Amino acid sequence: MTMRAGFWENYRDFPFSSMNQSGKKVGRNERCHCGSGRKYKHCHLALDQRRNSAAGPVPQGSESSSGAAKMAQLPDYLKYLSRKGPAKDRARFTELLAKTAPILAYVERQEEIEAASEALEAHRAEFEKFSTDKEAYLDRARALFAEECFAPSRFTAADIRRAFDQVGYPANEFPDDRMLETLRAAILYLADKDYRTCGSMNLQLQLPNFVTAGRHLDAWLIQHCAHGTAEFENESNPFLFAMFSYGHKAWIEEKRVHDESLMREFGLTPERVSGMGLEEIDAWIQAQGSDRSQVARMEAFLQKHPDLRSEAIANLEALERDSVKLLGHPDARFLHLLPEEVRPWLETLSQRYENTPQMTPKIQDTALPETVASQMFNEVILPLVREMAQSIFTPDRIQQLLAQLKRYRSEQFAAGDKAIAACATGAIRLVEQQKDPGRNYFLVALCLNSVKSTVDSFSPA
């Protein structure tokens, strides 16, 4: 997925939580540290009291103190078992060691972490002011989580592929709300309970180092994200976004290698493809589709790389879905039907509306109730525009439209507007693939937009 402005630029539109600041010693009548906006006494006070009670001071020499000492020895024991234990269990012990290491490290340094957190209170106001500037917060988070001390928490290309296999692959090239939601779903899938627990503790383990270095804003940002990672399991945050971005970058590189391998499989090179015009690409694709041996080779390659097949399907679906955006583009108004083609259908629409008396008393006002508008669209307007598409778009008219779309696409591509060129590609694909005009998503949308623009032209300015 090649994003025009870089992966991190999508942060500005990413659906994060509000992520208010967390800290220590919140007054009963102050806002809760969780960011809910409620008073502390009405929110997390009872929960924090239970936690503090459960984690009360442990007397020296007590049974609990002995248990803590045994816990401190656990890493060495697990290391021993992962090397010298039963062969069939070594991998399990290695995995257990990796999962428990942050917890054990946190327990060992808990007092040091709490002291660092306490020291940060003097800089709370500075951080609260800083965190209101989203751009500055983004830039600082991006630089901070690029530091090597956070590398153990980064996701890998394999993690990203596993997430996309689960939530679906995002379409490439042009970010939109659907893509951002897919990325968010992938992040939340990977950031499961175990990851969040370890990730939060690994973040807090860094607090003493940053406070000692006098990097108080960075330390606050770390504490902020540690709290959000642990507490808000259905939300993302800048730390999780950053960890995902590293795996995503590796996945993109892996995909590039696969793409180039696929090109070479069919006698192409990246350099040749980048120099091909749209007409040349279309001709090449048609030639491959008519050659059974080439189709079989393509199928065999995709069988070996199912993630490429899933991504290709996502891209095609996005192209088709976005094709109707073309109809709202000022330069594409020439695609609309002529007023003289639309007027007879407006008369039919008026007649059908008059024959639907159950709606008449409800729409005397300027604004239609949503339920009435929905009923009117589904029962009157949509059936009519489908009939309209079926009647107008004869085979000859479809060929005329395809020629217009291909010419327009080439012009936009040459002008550098690849987003609109991609929408035109989706429209071309839909018109070519769906043979029934009355069921063709793009043709029905074209008729609907033509009706609207014609009606608007009758209305007084």
Protein backbone atom coordinates (compact mmCIF):
# COMPACT_ATOMS: atom_id res chain seq x y z
CA MET A 1 0.00 0.00 0.00
CA THR A 2 1.72 3.17 -1.18
CA MET A 3 0.41 6.20 0.63
CA ARG A 4 1.11 9.48 -1.07
CA ALA A 5 2.16 11.42 2.03
CA GLY A 6 3.68 8.57 4.02
CA PHE A 7 2.12 6.21 6.53
CA TRP A 8 2.41 8.56 9.52
CA GLU A 9 0.51 11.32 7.72
CA ASN A 10 -2.62 9.19 8.15
CA TYR A 11 -2.33 9.74 11.91
CA ARG A 12 -3.98 13.16 11.48
CA ASP A 13 -7.23 11.52 10.36
CA PHE A 14 -6.87 8.33 12.39
CA PRO A 15 -9.74 7.37 14.74
CA PHE A 16 -7.85 7.49 18.04
CA SER A 17 -9.43 7.84 21.46
CA SER A 18 -9.47 11.19 23.25
CA MET A 19 -6.51 9.93 25.34
CA ASN A 20 -6.48 12.41 28.20
CA GLN A 21 -3.57 12.49 30.61
CA SER A 22 -3.04 9.95 33.36
CA GLY A 23 -1.09 10.53 36.54
CA LYS A 24 -0.76 10.10 40.28
CA LYS A 25 -2.45 11.69 43.28
CA VAL A 26 -5.64 12.86 41.63
CA GLY A 27 -7.90 14.76 44.02
CA ARG A 28 -11.36 13.33 44.73
CA ASN A 29 -13.06 16.24 42.98
CA GLU A 30 -10.57 16.51 40.10
CA ARG A 31 -11.09 15.03 36.66
CA CYS A 32 -10.33 11.31 36.61
CA HIS A 33 -6.95 10.28 35.19
CA CYS A 34 -8.69 7.95 32.68
CA GLY A 35 -9.89 10.90 30.62
CA SER A 36 -13.61 10.22 31.04
CA GLY A 37 -14.24 13.81 32.16
CA ARG A 38 -15.99 12.60 35.32
CA LYS A 39 -14.81 13.41 38.82
CA TYR A 40 -12.26 10.95 40.19
CA LYS A 41 -14.51 9.97 43.12
CA HIS A 42 -17.27 8.98 40.71
CA CYS A 43 -14.99 7.09 38.33
CA HIS A 44 -11.72 5.24 39.14
CA LEU A 45 -11.31 6.06 42.84
CA ALA A 46 -12.89 2.83 44.13
CA LEU A 47 -10.96 0.71 41.63
CA ASP A 48 -7.64 2.37 42.48
CA GLN A 49 -8.31 1.89 46.20
CA ARG A 50 -8.90 -1.82 45.65
CA ARG A 51 -5.69 -2.06 43.65
CA ASN A 52 -3.69 -0.21 46.29
CA SER A 53 -5.17 -2.41 49.00
CA ALA A 54 -4.28 -5.56 47.07
CA ALA A 55 -0.74 -4.28 46.48
CA GLY A 56 -0.10 -3.07 50.02
CA PRO A 57 3.34 -3.07 51.68
CA VAL A 58 4.90 -6.49 52.22
CA PRO A 59 6.66 -6.99 55.57
CA GLN A 60 10.25 -8.18 55.48
CA GLY A 61 10.57 -11.88 56.05
CA SER A 62 6.89 -12.56 55.36
CA GLU A 63 5.57 -15.35 53.16
CA SER A 64 4.78 -12.76 50.46
CA SER A 65 8.34 -11.48 50.59
CA SER A 66 9.55 -15.04 50.15
CA GLY A 67 7.21 -15.39 47.17
CA ALA A 68 8.65 -12.21 45.63
CA ALA A 69 12.15 -13.61 46.02
CA LYS A 70 11.07 -16.78 44.25
CA MET A 71 9.50 -14.72 41.48
CA ALA A 72 12.81 -12.92 40.97
CA GLN A 73 14.42 -16.31 40.34
CA LEU A 74 11.79 -17.29 37.77
CA PRO A 75 13.56 -15.83 34.69
CA ASP A 76 16.72 -17.82 35.36
CA TYR A 77 14.64 -20.96 35.89
CA LEU A 78 12.74 -20.43 32.63
CA LYS A 79 16.01 -19.78 30.78
CA TYR A 80 17.37 -23.03 32.14
CA LEU A 81 14.23 -24.94 31.08
CA SER A 82 14.28 -23.39 27.60
CA ARG A 83 17.83 -24.75 27.15
CA LYS A 84 17.99 -27.87 29.28
CA GLY A 85 14.36 -28.86 29.82
CA PRO A 86 12.55 -31.65 27.96
CA ALA A 87 13.07 -31.13 24.23
CA LYS A 88 9.33 -31.14 23.48
CA ASP A 89 8.71 -28.32 26.00
CA ARG A 90 11.65 -26.01 25.27
CA ALA A 91 9.78 -23.86 22.75
CA ARG A 92 6.90 -23.43 25.21
CA PHE A 93 9.28 -22.36 27.97
CA THR A 94 10.99 -19.91 25.60
CA GLU A 95 7.62 -18.39 24.73
CA LEU A 96 6.64 -18.22 28.42
CA LEU A 97 9.92 -16.48 29.20
CA ALA A 98 9.25 -13.85 26.54
CA LYS A 99 5.75 -13.21 27.91
CA THR A 100 6.75 -13.01 31.56
CA ALA A 101 10.00 -11.06 31.16
CA PRO A 102 8.33 -7.58 31.08
CA ILE A 103 6.16 -8.46 34.09
CA LEU A 104 9.11 -9.67 36.11
CA ALA A 105 11.21 -6.66 35.09
CA TYR A 106 8.37 -4.37 36.08
CA VAL A 107 7.99 -6.02 39.51
CA GLU A 108 11.74 -5.71 40.06
CA ARG A 109 11.81 -1.99 39.18
CA GLN A 110 8.34 -1.00 40.41
CA GLU A 111 9.56 1.38 43.14
CA GLU A 112 11.92 3.08 40.68
CA ILE A 113 9.09 3.45 38.13
CA GLU A 114 6.72 4.88 40.75
CA ALA A 115 9.38 7.37 41.86
CA ALA A 116 9.87 8.50 38.26
CA SER A 117 6.11 8.87 37.83
CA GLU A 118 5.94 10.92 41.02
CA ALA A 119 8.71 13.20 39.74
CA LEU A 120 6.71 13.81 36.55
CA GLU A 121 3.89 15.46 38.50
CA ALA A 122 5.90 18.69 38.56
CA HIS A 123 5.64 18.74 34.75
CA ARG A 124 1.95 17.81 34.42
CA ALA A 125 0.79 21.32 33.41
CA GLU A 126 3.51 21.54 30.77
CA PHE A 127 2.42 18.22 29.25
CA GLU A 128 -1.30 19.06 29.37
CA LYS A 129 -0.60 22.25 27.43
CA PHE A 130 1.65 20.44 24.97
CA SER A 131 -0.85 17.62 24.33
CA THR A 132 -3.48 20.07 23.03
CA ASP A 133 -1.29 20.70 19.97
CA LYS A 134 -2.00 17.62 17.85
CA GLU A 135 0.67 18.41 15.25
CA ALA A 136 3.40 18.85 17.86
CA TYR A 137 2.21 15.74 19.72
CA LEU A 138 2.35 13.74 16.49
CA ASP A 139 5.84 14.89 15.56
CA ARG A 140 7.17 14.18 19.03
CA ALA A 141 5.53 10.74 19.25
CA ARG A 142 6.88 9.82 15.85
CA ALA A 143 10.45 10.74 16.81
CA LEU A 144 10.19 9.27 20.30
CA PHE A 145 8.91 5.81 19.34
CA ALA A 146 11.51 5.57 16.56
CA GLU A 147 14.18 5.22 19.28
CA GLU A 148 15.73 1.80 19.56
CA CYS A 149 14.60 1.17 23.14
CA PHE A 150 11.06 0.61 21.81
CA ALA A 151 12.14 -1.85 19.10
CA PRO A 152 11.11 -5.00 21.08
CA SER A 153 7.46 -3.90 20.89
CA ARG A 154 7.40 -3.34 17.13
CA PHE A 155 5.19 -5.52 14.96
CA THR A 156 6.69 -7.48 12.06
CA ALA A 157 5.64 -7.98 8.45
CA ALA A 158 4.31 -11.41 9.44
CA ASP A 159 2.16 -9.77 12.15
CA ILE A 160 0.71 -7.31 9.63
CA ARG A 161 -0.07 -10.07 7.15
CA ARG A 162 -1.74 -12.11 9.89
CA ALA A 163 -3.88 -9.11 10.87
CA PHE A 164 -4.94 -8.34 7.29
CA ASP A 165 -5.79 -12.01 6.76
CA GLN A 166 -8.19 -11.60 9.67
CA VAL A 167 -9.73 -8.14 9.10
CA GLY A 168 -9.32 -7.81 5.33
CA TYR A 169 -6.73 -6.10 3.16
CA PRO A 170 -6.83 -2.32 2.66
CA ALA A 171 -6.97 -1.01 -0.87
CA ASN A 172 -3.80 0.80 -1.88
CA GLU A 173 -2.83 4.19 -3.28
CA PHE A 174 -5.48 6.57 -1.96
CA PRO A 175 -6.34 6.70 1.76
CA ASP A 176 -10.00 7.06 2.65
CA ASP A 177 -12.19 6.39 5.67
CA ARG A 178 -12.56 2.72 4.76
CA MET A 179 -8.78 2.26 4.59
CA LEU A 180 -8.24 4.00 7.91
CA GLU A 181 -10.88 1.81 9.53
CA THR A 182 -9.16 -1.31 8.14
CA LEU A 183 -5.83 -0.15 9.57
CA ARG A 184 -7.48 0.55 12.92
CA ALA A 185 -9.07 -2.91 12.95
CA ALA A 186 -5.69 -4.49 12.15
CA ILE A 187 -3.99 -2.59 14.99
CA LEU A 188 -6.67 -3.61 17.48
CA TYR A 189 -6.45 -7.23 16.32
CA LEU A 190 -2.69 -7.35 16.95
CA ALA A 191 -2.86 -5.35 20.19
CA ASP A 192 -4.55 -8.13 22.14
CA LYS A 193 -4.63 -8.39 25.93
CA ASP A 194 -1.20 -10.05 26.23
CA TYR A 195 0.44 -7.51 23.92
CA ARG A 196 -1.14 -4.58 25.71
CA THR A 197 -0.04 -5.85 29.12
CA CYS A 198 3.56 -6.36 28.02
CA GLY A 199 3.60 -3.20 25.90
CA SER A 200 2.37 -1.05 28.76
CA MET A 201 4.94 -2.48 31.14
CA ASN A 202 7.75 -2.08 28.62
CA LEU A 203 6.77 1.57 28.25
CA GLN A 204 6.76 2.13 31.99
CA LEU A 205 10.16 0.46 32.28
CA GLN A 206 11.54 3.35 30.21
CA LEU A 207 10.20 6.05 32.54
CA PRO A 208 13.17 6.16 34.98
CA ASN A 209 15.67 6.50 32.12
CA PHE A 210 13.82 9.41 30.50
CA VAL A 211 13.17 11.22 33.80
CA THR A 212 16.84 10.86 34.77
CA ALA A 213 17.82 12.28 31.37
CA GLY A 214 15.56 15.28 32.00
CA ARG A 215 13.26 14.38 29.07
CA HIS A 216 10.09 15.08 31.01
CA LEU A 217 7.74 15.71 28.08
CA ASP A 218 8.85 12.46 26.45
CA ALA A 219 8.43 10.65 29.76
CA TRP A 220 4.92 12.05 30.09
CA LEU A 221 4.12 10.94 26.55
CA ILE A 222 5.37 7.45 27.42
CA GLN A 223 3.29 7.34 30.60
CA HIS A 224 0.29 8.67 28.69
CA CYS A 225 0.53 5.90 26.08
CA ALA A 226 1.27 3.23 28.69
CA HIS A 227 -1.99 4.09 30.44
CA GLY A 228 -3.96 4.16 27.17
CA THR A 229 -2.46 0.86 26.01
CA ALA A 230 -3.38 -0.93 29.22
CA GLU A 231 -6.77 0.64 29.95
CA PHE A 232 -8.48 1.23 26.59
CA GLU A 233 -8.50 -2.15 24.90
CA ASN A 234 -10.83 -1.07 22.08
CA GLU A 235 -8.81 2.00 21.13
CA SER A 236 -5.55 2.75 19.40
CA ASN A 237 -2.97 5.36 20.40
CA PRO A 238 0.26 6.86 19.01
CA PHE A 239 2.44 4.12 20.53
CA LEU A 240 0.41 1.30 18.94
CA PHE A 241 0.25 3.24 15.67
CA ALA A 242 4.04 3.63 15.69
CA MET A 243 4.65 -0.05 16.44
CA PHE A 244 2.26 -0.98 13.63
CA SER A 245 3.97 1.39 11.19
CA TYR A 246 7.26 -0.54 11.42
CA GLY A 247 5.60 -3.83 10.56
CA HIS A 248 3.59 -2.12 7.85
CA LYS A 249 6.75 -0.73 6.26
CA ALA A 250 8.33 -4.21 6.29
CA TRP A 251 5.13 -5.69 4.83
CA ILE A 252 5.16 -3.10 2.02
CA GLU A 253 8.74 -4.03 1.16
CA GLU A 254 7.86 -7.73 1.23
CA LYS A 255 4.91 -7.04 -1.06
CA ARG A 256 7.11 -5.04 -3.45
CA VAL A 257 9.40 -8.06 -3.81
CA HIS A 258 6.38 -10.28 -4.50
CA ASP A 259 5.00 -7.78 -7.03
CA GLU A 260 8.30 -7.63 -8.90
CA SER A 261 8.51 -11.41 -8.84
CA LEU A 262 5.04 -11.58 -10.38
CA MET A 263 6.03 -9.07 -13.08
CA ARG A 264 9.12 -11.07 -14.01
CA GLU A 265 7.02 -14.23 -14.09
CA PHE A 266 5.24 -12.63 -17.05
CA GLY A 267 8.25 -11.05 -18.73
CA LEU A 268 7.92 -7.56 -17.26
CA THR A 269 10.22 -5.35 -15.19
CA PRO A 270 9.29 -2.49 -12.83
CA GLU A 271 11.05 -0.08 -15.20
CA ARG A 272 8.99 -1.22 -18.17
CA VAL A 273 5.72 -1.08 -16.24
CA SER A 274 6.42 2.47 -15.02
CA GLY A 275 6.97 3.53 -18.63
CA MET A 276 3.77 1.95 -19.98
CA GLY A 277 0.75 4.07 -20.81
CA LEU A 278 -2.74 3.12 -19.67
CA GLU A 279 -3.75 1.88 -23.13
CA GLU A 280 -0.63 -0.30 -23.30
CA ILE A 281 -1.37 -1.72 -19.85
CA ASP A 282 -4.98 -2.45 -20.84
CA ALA A 283 -3.81 -4.22 -24.00
CA TRP A 284 -1.29 -6.29 -22.05
CA ILE A 285 -3.91 -7.33 -19.47
CA GLN A 286 -6.35 -8.35 -22.22
CA ALA A 287 -3.65 -10.37 -23.95
CA GLN A 288 -2.81 -12.21 -20.74
CA GLY A 289 -6.49 -12.91 -20.04
CA SER A 290 -6.99 -14.50 -23.44
CA ASP A 291 -3.97 -16.80 -23.06
CA ARG A 292 -4.97 -19.88 -21.08
CA SER A 293 -1.39 -20.81 -20.25
CA GLN A 294 -0.76 -17.33 -18.82
CA VAL A 295 -3.98 -17.46 -16.80
CA ALA A 296 -2.88 -20.83 -15.38
CA ARG A 297 0.53 -19.40 -14.46
CA MET A 298 -1.12 -16.44 -12.74
CA GLU A 299 -3.41 -18.74 -10.80
CA ALA A 300 -0.47 -20.91 -9.69
CA PHE A 301 1.44 -17.83 -8.51
CA LEU A 302 -1.54 -16.52 -6.53
CA GLN A 303 -2.02 -19.95 -4.98
CA LYS A 304 1.49 -19.61 -3.55
CA HIS A 305 0.79 -16.05 -2.35
CA PRO A 306 -2.83 -15.90 -1.12
CA ASP A 307 -2.22 -12.52 0.52
CA LEU A 308 -1.62 -11.02 -2.94
CA ARG A 309 -4.92 -12.44 -4.13
CA SER A 310 -6.75 -10.96 -1.12
CA GLU A 311 -5.12 -7.57 -1.65
CA ALA A 312 -5.88 -7.62 -5.38
CA ILE A 313 -9.55 -8.31 -4.64
CA ALA A 314 -9.60 -5.45 -2.11
CA ASN A 315 -8.08 -3.11 -4.70
CA LEU A 316 -10.61 -4.06 -7.39
CA GLU A 317 -13.50 -3.64 -4.97
CA ALA A 318 -12.20 -0.22 -3.96
CA LEU A 319 -11.83 0.87 -7.59
CA GLU A 320 -15.43 -0.14 -8.30
CA ARG A 321 -16.74 1.40 -5.09
CA ASP A 322 -14.94 4.69 -5.74
CA SER A 323 -15.99 4.88 -9.40
CA VAL A 324 -19.05 6.99 -8.53
CA LYS A 325 -16.77 9.70 -7.09
CA LEU A 326 -16.02 10.46 -10.71
CA LEU A 327 -19.57 11.72 -11.22
CA GLY A 328 -19.08 14.53 -8.72
CA HIS A 329 -15.85 15.76 -10.30
CA PRO A 330 -16.36 19.10 -12.15
CA ASP A 331 -14.32 17.98 -15.17
CA ALA A 332 -16.45 14.82 -15.57
CA ARG A 333 -19.83 16.50 -15.93
CA PHE A 334 -19.75 15.72 -19.67
CA LEU A 335 -20.50 12.09 -18.72
CA HIS A 336 -23.95 13.07 -17.46
CA LEU A 337 -26.93 12.39 -19.67
CA LEU A 338 -28.30 15.29 -21.71
CA PRO A 339 -31.36 17.13 -20.31
CA GLU A 340 -33.48 16.01 -23.29
CA GLU A 341 -32.69 12.38 -22.41
CA VAL A 342 -33.68 12.91 -18.77
CA ARG A 343 -36.89 14.96 -19.14
CA PRO A 344 -39.17 12.06 -20.24
CA TRP A 345 -38.09 10.14 -17.18
CA LEU A 346 -38.87 13.08 -14.93
CA GLU A 347 -42.43 12.97 -16.22
CA THR A 348 -42.58 9.26 -15.44
CA LEU A 349 -41.17 9.94 -11.99
CA SER A 350 -43.87 12.56 -11.36
CA GLN A 351 -46.61 10.16 -12.41
CA ARG A 352 -45.30 7.40 -10.17
CA TYR A 353 -45.05 9.75 -7.27
CA GLU A 354 -48.69 10.78 -7.74
CA ASN A 355 -49.64 7.10 -7.78
CA THR A 356 -48.05 6.64 -4.35
CA PRO A 357 -50.65 8.46 -2.21
CA GLN A 358 -49.41 7.06 1.08
CA MET A 359 -46.43 9.41 0.82
CA THR A 360 -48.29 12.55 -0.26
CA PRO A 361 -49.58 13.76 3.13
CA LYS A 362 -46.17 13.23 4.69
CA ILE A 363 -44.07 15.39 2.40
CA GLN A 364 -45.80 18.76 2.41
CA ASP A 365 -42.90 20.24 4.38
CA THR A 366 -39.65 21.18 2.72
CA ALA A 367 -37.64 18.59 4.68
CA LEU A 368 -38.69 14.96 4.28
CA PRO A 369 -38.63 12.68 7.32
CA GLU A 370 -35.80 10.20 6.89
CA THR A 371 -38.10 7.18 6.81
CA VAL A 372 -40.30 8.72 4.10
CA ALA A 373 -37.28 9.78 2.02
CA SER A 374 -35.84 6.26 2.28
CA GLN A 375 -39.18 4.71 1.27
CA MET A 376 -39.54 7.10 -1.65
CA PHE A 377 -36.02 6.31 -2.90
CA ASN A 378 -36.39 2.52 -2.63
CA GLU A 379 -39.93 2.26 -4.00
CA VAL A 380 -40.04 5.01 -6.63
CA ILE A 381 -36.69 6.56 -7.57
CA LEU A 382 -34.37 3.52 -7.62
CA PRO A 383 -36.67 1.33 -9.75
CA LEU A 384 -37.09 4.20 -12.19
CA VAL A 385 -33.36 4.93 -12.64
CA ARG A 386 -32.73 1.21 -13.15
CA GLU A 387 -35.31 1.20 -15.95
CA MET A 388 -33.69 4.35 -17.26
CA ALA A 389 -30.24 2.74 -17.39
CA GLN A 390 -31.68 -0.37 -19.04
CA SER A 391 -33.37 1.72 -21.74
CA ILE A 392 -30.66 4.29 -22.49
CA PHE A 393 -27.51 2.20 -22.33
CA THR A 394 -27.75 0.08 -25.45
CA PRO A 395 -24.59 -1.79 -26.55
CA ASP A 396 -23.65 1.09 -28.89
CA ARG A 397 -24.18 3.67 -26.15
CA ILE A 398 -22.09 1.62 -23.73
CA GLN A 399 -19.20 1.54 -26.24
CA GLN A 400 -19.52 5.30 -26.62
CA LEU A 401 -19.37 5.74 -22.84
CA LEU A 402 -16.35 3.43 -22.55
CA ALA A 403 -14.50 5.48 -25.16
CA GLN A 404 -15.27 8.68 -23.23
CA LEU A 405 -14.13 7.13 -19.95
CA LYS A 406 -10.86 5.81 -21.39
CA ARG A 407 -10.04 9.14 -23.04
CA TYR A 408 -10.83 11.03 -19.85
CA ARG A 409 -8.79 8.58 -17.76
CA SER A 410 -5.74 9.06 -20.00
CA GLU A 411 -6.06 12.84 -19.77
CA GLN A 412 -6.28 12.79 -15.98
CA PHE A 413 -3.41 10.31 -15.66
CA ALA A 414 -1.22 12.47 -17.91
CA ALA A 415 -2.15 15.52 -15.81
CA GLY A 416 -0.99 13.71 -12.67
CA ASP A 417 -4.43 13.21 -11.09
CA LYS A 418 -4.05 9.50 -10.43
CA ALA A 419 -6.91 9.44 -7.92
CA ILE A 420 -9.47 10.47 -10.56
CA ALA A 421 -7.78 8.21 -13.13
CA ALA A 422 -8.24 5.32 -10.67
CA CYS A 423 -11.95 6.19 -10.29
CA ALA A 424 -12.26 6.12 -14.08
CA THR A 425 -10.58 2.71 -14.14
CA GLY A 426 -13.16 1.43 -11.68
CA ALA A 427 -15.98 2.81 -13.83
CA ILE A 428 -14.53 1.19 -16.96
CA ARG A 429 -14.22 -2.14 -15.19
CA LEU A 430 -17.82 -2.00 -13.94
CA VAL A 431 -19.26 -1.05 -17.32
CA GLU A 432 -17.27 -3.78 -19.08
CA GLN A 433 -17.90 -6.54 -16.55
CA GLN A 434 -21.59 -6.03 -15.64
CA LYS A 435 -23.65 -6.68 -18.76
CA ASP A 436 -27.07 -5.76 -17.31
CA PRO A 437 -27.29 -1.93 -17.35
CA GLY A 438 -30.21 -1.95 -14.90
CA ARG A 439 -28.01 -3.68 -12.32
CA ASN A 440 -24.80 -1.88 -13.15
CA TYR A 441 -23.67 0.14 -10.13
CA PHE A 442 -21.96 2.85 -12.17
CA LEU A 443 -24.64 3.23 -14.85
CA VAL A 444 -27.44 3.45 -12.29
CA ALA A 445 -25.43 6.07 -10.35
CA LEU A 446 -24.83 7.96 -13.61
CA CYS A 447 -28.57 8.07 -14.31
CA LEU A 448 -29.34 9.15 -10.75
CA ASN A 449 -26.77 11.97 -10.88
CA SER A 450 -28.09 13.06 -14.27
CA VAL A 451 -31.63 13.27 -12.89
CA LYS A 452 -30.39 15.35 -9.96
CA SER A 453 -28.35 17.75 -12.09
CA THR A 454 -31.28 18.21 -14.49
CA VAL A 455 -33.70 18.94 -11.65
CA ASP A 456 -31.18 21.37 -10.13
CA SER A 457 -30.94 23.20 -13.46
CA PHE A 458 -34.70 23.86 -13.29
CA SER A 459 -34.53 25.27 -9.78
CA PRO A 460 -34.11 29.03 -9.29
CA ALA A 461 -30.61 30.08 -8.25
